[in-house]
Amino acid sequence: MPEDIRELHERAEHGAEDKNIAPVTVTMAILAVMVAPIVARLLGKVDARILVMCGLVFAAGTMIWRTGFASNIDFWGVGILNLLQGMAMPFFFIPLVGLSLIDFQGQKVASAAGLMSFMRTTAGAFGASLMLTEWDNDTGVARSEIVRSMPNAEQMMQKLQSQGFSMEQARAQLDYIVGSQAVMQATLHVFYILATMLCIAAALIWLVPRPKGPLVAAAAH
């Protein structure tokens, strides 16, 4: 872990900046839009539960892959995984919508879709809050562990001061390095948790009764 801190320190010394955040996020939608029509066609031929399971397992795989991230990850390292994750989203989202609405007819479909949208938004808000709380707690734990594993903190302070930093500037720089690495460790732990939850969800989908007939694309939308 001290080696990782030194690496992060070198990046900070050279003025590395986080950028291209928006383009990286947009890459997730590229394959999602392209794959959605394919999934809609498969609904009439394949058990929707199989599609959901495949999508969730694939998404879990991308989360496990993310656990190998380091603080020096580049644009394409994140972008390619976002592309793959975007491909998985239609496989579980579209069939789930279809499974939720298959027993409703006529005007009841609109009411059921509205209620499902409300429940999905509410559950998403709760889930995001829980994950952010876990992430924040993990950051504090990782920070404490990093500080305990730094026997050369004084030497790093002296090195920074020899390069022209004042005592306060050196302390702030070291705090930034430790904090950034703690956030990275906490983020990797959250990816492990998400991968586990997605695998559990992939198994639970088989508790849903088998649809009596094939789902149609209109019902999934």
Protein backbone atom coordinates (compact mmCIF):
# COMPACT_ATOMS: atom_id res chain seq x y z
CA MET A 1 0.00 0.00 0.00
CA PRO A 2 2.80 2.54 0.65
CA GLU A 3 3.98 1.89 -2.94
CA ASP A 4 0.52 2.85 -4.20
CA ILE A 5 0.68 6.05 -2.18
CA ARG A 6 4.03 6.96 -3.69
CA GLU A 7 2.62 6.33 -7.16
CA LEU A 8 -0.33 8.58 -6.41
CA HIS A 9 2.08 11.16 -5.04
CA GLU A 10 3.96 11.18 -8.34
CA ARG A 11 0.72 11.75 -10.22
CA ALA A 12 -0.15 14.63 -7.93
CA GLU A 13 3.32 16.14 -8.41
CA HIS A 14 2.87 16.17 -12.17
CA GLY A 15 -0.50 17.86 -11.92
CA ALA A 16 -2.65 15.01 -13.16
CA GLU A 17 -6.29 16.08 -13.51
CA ASP A 18 -9.52 14.13 -13.69
CA LYS A 19 -11.17 14.93 -17.02
CA ASN A 20 -13.35 13.42 -19.72
CA ILE A 21 -15.88 12.41 -17.06
CA ALA A 22 -18.89 13.21 -19.23
CA PRO A 23 -17.65 11.32 -22.35
CA VAL A 24 -16.83 8.26 -20.21
CA THR A 25 -20.33 8.28 -18.73
CA VAL A 26 -21.94 8.67 -22.16
CA THR A 27 -20.20 5.54 -23.46
CA MET A 28 -22.55 3.44 -21.32
CA ALA A 29 -25.50 4.50 -23.46
CA ILE A 30 -23.92 3.65 -26.82
CA LEU A 31 -24.29 -0.14 -26.76
CA ALA A 32 -27.43 0.10 -24.61
CA VAL A 33 -29.23 1.88 -27.46
CA MET A 34 -27.86 -0.54 -30.05
CA VAL A 35 -28.69 -3.71 -28.09
CA ALA A 36 -32.21 -2.68 -26.95
CA PRO A 37 -33.94 -3.57 -30.28
CA ILE A 38 -32.21 -6.97 -30.28
CA VAL A 39 -33.49 -7.71 -26.78
CA ALA A 40 -36.99 -6.62 -27.77
CA ARG A 41 -36.96 -9.18 -30.60
CA LEU A 42 -35.64 -11.92 -28.31
CA LEU A 43 -38.56 -11.43 -25.90
CA GLY A 44 -40.87 -13.35 -28.23
CA LYS A 45 -38.46 -16.28 -28.56
CA VAL A 46 -36.56 -16.65 -25.28
CA ASP A 47 -37.72 -16.96 -21.69
CA ALA A 48 -37.52 -13.45 -20.24
CA ARG A 49 -35.98 -14.83 -17.04
CA ILE A 50 -33.01 -16.14 -19.01
CA LEU A 51 -32.45 -12.70 -20.52
CA VAL A 52 -32.63 -11.06 -17.10
CA MET A 53 -30.21 -13.57 -15.61
CA CYS A 54 -27.72 -13.13 -18.45
CA GLY A 55 -27.87 -9.36 -18.16
CA LEU A 56 -27.37 -9.38 -14.40
CA VAL A 57 -24.51 -11.90 -14.54
CA PHE A 58 -22.82 -9.90 -17.28
CA ALA A 59 -23.23 -6.70 -15.25
CA ALA A 60 -21.76 -8.49 -12.22
CA GLY A 61 -18.80 -9.47 -14.37
CA THR A 62 -18.13 -5.84 -15.27
CA MET A 63 -18.25 -4.95 -11.56
CA ILE A 64 -15.73 -7.69 -10.74
CA TRP A 65 -13.53 -6.39 -13.55
CA ARG A 66 -13.72 -2.90 -12.01
CA THR A 67 -12.25 -4.22 -8.76
CA GLY A 68 -8.92 -4.30 -10.59
CA PHE A 69 -8.96 -0.54 -11.13
CA ALA A 70 -6.04 1.54 -9.89
CA SER A 71 -5.75 5.27 -9.30
CA ASN A 72 -3.95 5.70 -12.64
CA ILE A 73 -6.79 4.24 -14.74
CA ASP A 74 -7.09 6.02 -18.08
CA PHE A 75 -10.04 7.05 -20.26
CA TRP A 76 -10.28 3.82 -22.26
CA GLY A 77 -9.83 1.65 -19.20
CA VAL A 78 -13.10 3.04 -17.84
CA GLY A 79 -14.79 3.67 -21.18
CA ILE A 80 -14.57 0.09 -22.47
CA LEU A 81 -16.11 -1.27 -19.27
CA ASN A 82 -18.89 1.30 -19.49
CA LEU A 83 -19.56 0.14 -23.05
CA LEU A 84 -19.86 -3.46 -21.87
CA GLN A 85 -22.02 -2.52 -18.91
CA GLY A 86 -24.31 -0.58 -21.23
CA MET A 87 -24.75 -3.71 -23.33
CA ALA A 88 -25.93 -5.62 -20.26
CA MET A 89 -28.56 -3.08 -19.18
CA PRO A 90 -31.25 -3.80 -21.82
CA PHE A 91 -31.00 -7.53 -21.12
CA PHE A 92 -32.37 -7.15 -17.60
CA PHE A 93 -34.24 -3.86 -17.79
CA ILE A 94 -36.53 -4.50 -20.78
CA PRO A 95 -37.56 -8.06 -19.78
CA LEU A 96 -38.20 -6.94 -16.18
CA VAL A 97 -40.57 -4.26 -17.40
CA GLY A 98 -42.33 -6.81 -19.58
CA LEU A 99 -42.65 -9.30 -16.71
CA SER A 100 -44.09 -6.59 -14.49
CA LEU A 101 -46.80 -5.58 -16.96
CA ILE A 102 -47.71 -8.90 -18.57
CA ASP A 103 -50.82 -9.47 -16.40
CA PHE A 104 -52.32 -6.04 -17.09
CA GLN A 105 -54.53 -5.11 -20.00
CA GLY A 106 -55.90 -1.92 -21.50
CA GLN A 107 -55.88 1.19 -19.34
CA LYS A 108 -54.46 -0.72 -16.38
CA VAL A 109 -51.12 -0.94 -18.18
CA ALA A 110 -50.55 2.81 -17.85
CA SER A 111 -51.41 2.78 -14.13
CA ALA A 112 -49.19 -0.24 -13.50
CA ALA A 113 -46.32 1.33 -15.45
CA GLY A 114 -46.63 4.52 -13.41
CA LEU A 115 -46.62 2.63 -10.13
CA MET A 116 -43.65 0.54 -11.23
CA SER A 117 -41.75 3.68 -12.24
CA PHE A 118 -42.43 5.21 -8.82
CA MET A 119 -41.28 2.08 -7.00
CA ARG A 120 -38.17 1.82 -9.17
CA THR A 121 -37.24 5.45 -8.52
CA THR A 122 -37.85 5.11 -4.78
CA ALA A 123 -35.88 1.88 -4.53
CA GLY A 124 -33.07 3.43 -6.57
CA ALA A 125 -32.90 6.39 -4.19
CA PHE A 126 -32.72 4.10 -1.16
CA GLY A 127 -30.09 1.93 -2.84
CA ALA A 128 -27.97 4.92 -3.82
CA SER A 129 -28.18 6.29 -0.27
CA LEU A 130 -27.11 2.96 1.23
CA MET A 131 -24.21 2.57 -1.19
CA LEU A 132 -23.00 6.13 -0.58
CA THR A 133 -23.15 5.54 3.17
CA GLU A 134 -21.18 2.30 2.82
CA TRP A 135 -18.70 4.02 0.51
CA ASP A 136 -18.18 6.86 2.99
CA ASN A 137 -17.70 4.43 5.89
CA ASP A 138 -15.25 2.33 3.88
CA THR A 139 -13.30 5.46 3.00
CA GLY A 140 -12.82 6.25 6.69
CA VAL A 141 -11.71 2.68 7.44
CA ALA A 142 -9.30 2.61 4.49
CA ARG A 143 -7.85 5.96 5.49
CA SER A 144 -7.12 4.69 8.99
CA GLU A 145 -5.44 1.55 7.61
CA ILE A 146 -3.31 3.57 5.19
CA VAL A 147 -2.16 5.93 7.91
CA ARG A 148 -1.19 2.98 10.13
CA SER A 149 0.84 1.43 7.28
CA MET A 150 2.90 4.59 6.62
CA PRO A 151 6.14 4.30 8.58
CA ASN A 152 7.84 6.83 6.29
CA ALA A 153 5.40 9.72 6.65
CA GLU A 154 8.07 11.98 8.12
CA GLN A 155 10.43 11.21 5.26
CA MET A 156 7.73 12.10 2.74
CA MET A 157 7.12 15.37 4.58
CA GLN A 158 10.83 16.17 4.46
CA LYS A 159 10.98 15.32 0.75
CA LEU A 160 8.09 17.66 0.00
CA GLN A 161 9.67 20.42 2.06
CA SER A 162 12.97 19.96 0.25
CA GLN A 163 11.10 20.60 -2.99
CA GLY A 164 9.88 23.96 -1.79
CA PHE A 165 6.67 23.13 0.04
CA SER A 166 5.99 24.79 3.35
CA MET A 167 5.06 22.67 6.37
CA GLU A 168 1.34 23.32 5.86
CA GLN A 169 1.54 22.70 2.12
CA ALA A 170 3.43 19.45 2.62
CA ARG A 171 0.89 18.30 5.21
CA ALA A 172 -2.00 19.19 2.89
CA GLN A 173 -0.34 17.35 -0.02
CA LEU A 174 0.20 14.23 2.06
CA ASP A 175 -3.39 14.40 3.30
CA TYR A 176 -4.60 14.62 -0.30
CA ILE A 177 -2.55 11.57 -1.29
CA VAL A 178 -3.83 9.49 1.62
CA GLY A 179 -7.42 10.63 1.07
CA SER A 180 -7.37 9.85 -2.66
CA GLN A 181 -6.01 6.35 -2.10
CA ALA A 182 -8.59 5.74 0.65
CA VAL A 183 -11.37 6.70 -1.76
CA MET A 184 -9.94 4.30 -4.35
CA GLN A 185 -9.89 1.42 -1.86
CA ALA A 186 -13.45 2.16 -0.73
CA THR A 187 -14.65 2.30 -4.34
CA LEU A 188 -13.19 -1.13 -5.09
CA HIS A 189 -14.95 -2.55 -2.03
CA VAL A 190 -18.26 -1.10 -3.23
CA PHE A 191 -17.72 -2.79 -6.61
CA TYR A 192 -17.34 -6.13 -4.81
CA ILE A 193 -20.62 -5.52 -2.97
CA LEU A 194 -22.45 -4.58 -6.16
CA ALA A 195 -21.14 -7.66 -7.98
CA THR A 196 -22.39 -9.87 -5.16
CA MET A 197 -25.82 -8.23 -5.13
CA LEU A 198 -26.17 -8.58 -8.90
CA CYS A 199 -25.34 -12.30 -8.70
CA ILE A 200 -27.95 -12.75 -5.95
CA ALA A 201 -30.52 -10.91 -8.06
CA ALA A 202 -29.67 -13.15 -11.03
CA ALA A 203 -30.55 -16.18 -8.90
CA LEU A 204 -33.71 -14.63 -7.42
CA ILE A 205 -35.20 -13.96 -10.86
CA TRP A 206 -36.05 -17.68 -11.05
CA LEU A 207 -38.55 -17.19 -8.24
CA VAL A 208 -40.69 -15.24 -10.73
CA PRO A 209 -43.35 -17.50 -12.32
CA ARG A 210 -42.72 -18.45 -15.92
CA PRO A 211 -44.73 -16.20 -18.29
CA LYS A 212 -47.71 -18.01 -19.78
CA GLY A 213 -46.93 -16.61 -23.20
CA PRO A 214 -44.07 -14.81 -24.95
CA LEU A 215 -43.55 -11.19 -24.02
CA VAL A 216 -43.97 -8.68 -26.80
CA ALA A 217 -41.81 -5.62 -27.32
CA ALA A 218 -44.72 -3.26 -26.68
CA ALA A 219 -45.25 -4.67 -23.20
CA ALA A 220 -41.57 -4.23 -22.37
CA HIS A 221 -41.62 -0.58 -23.29
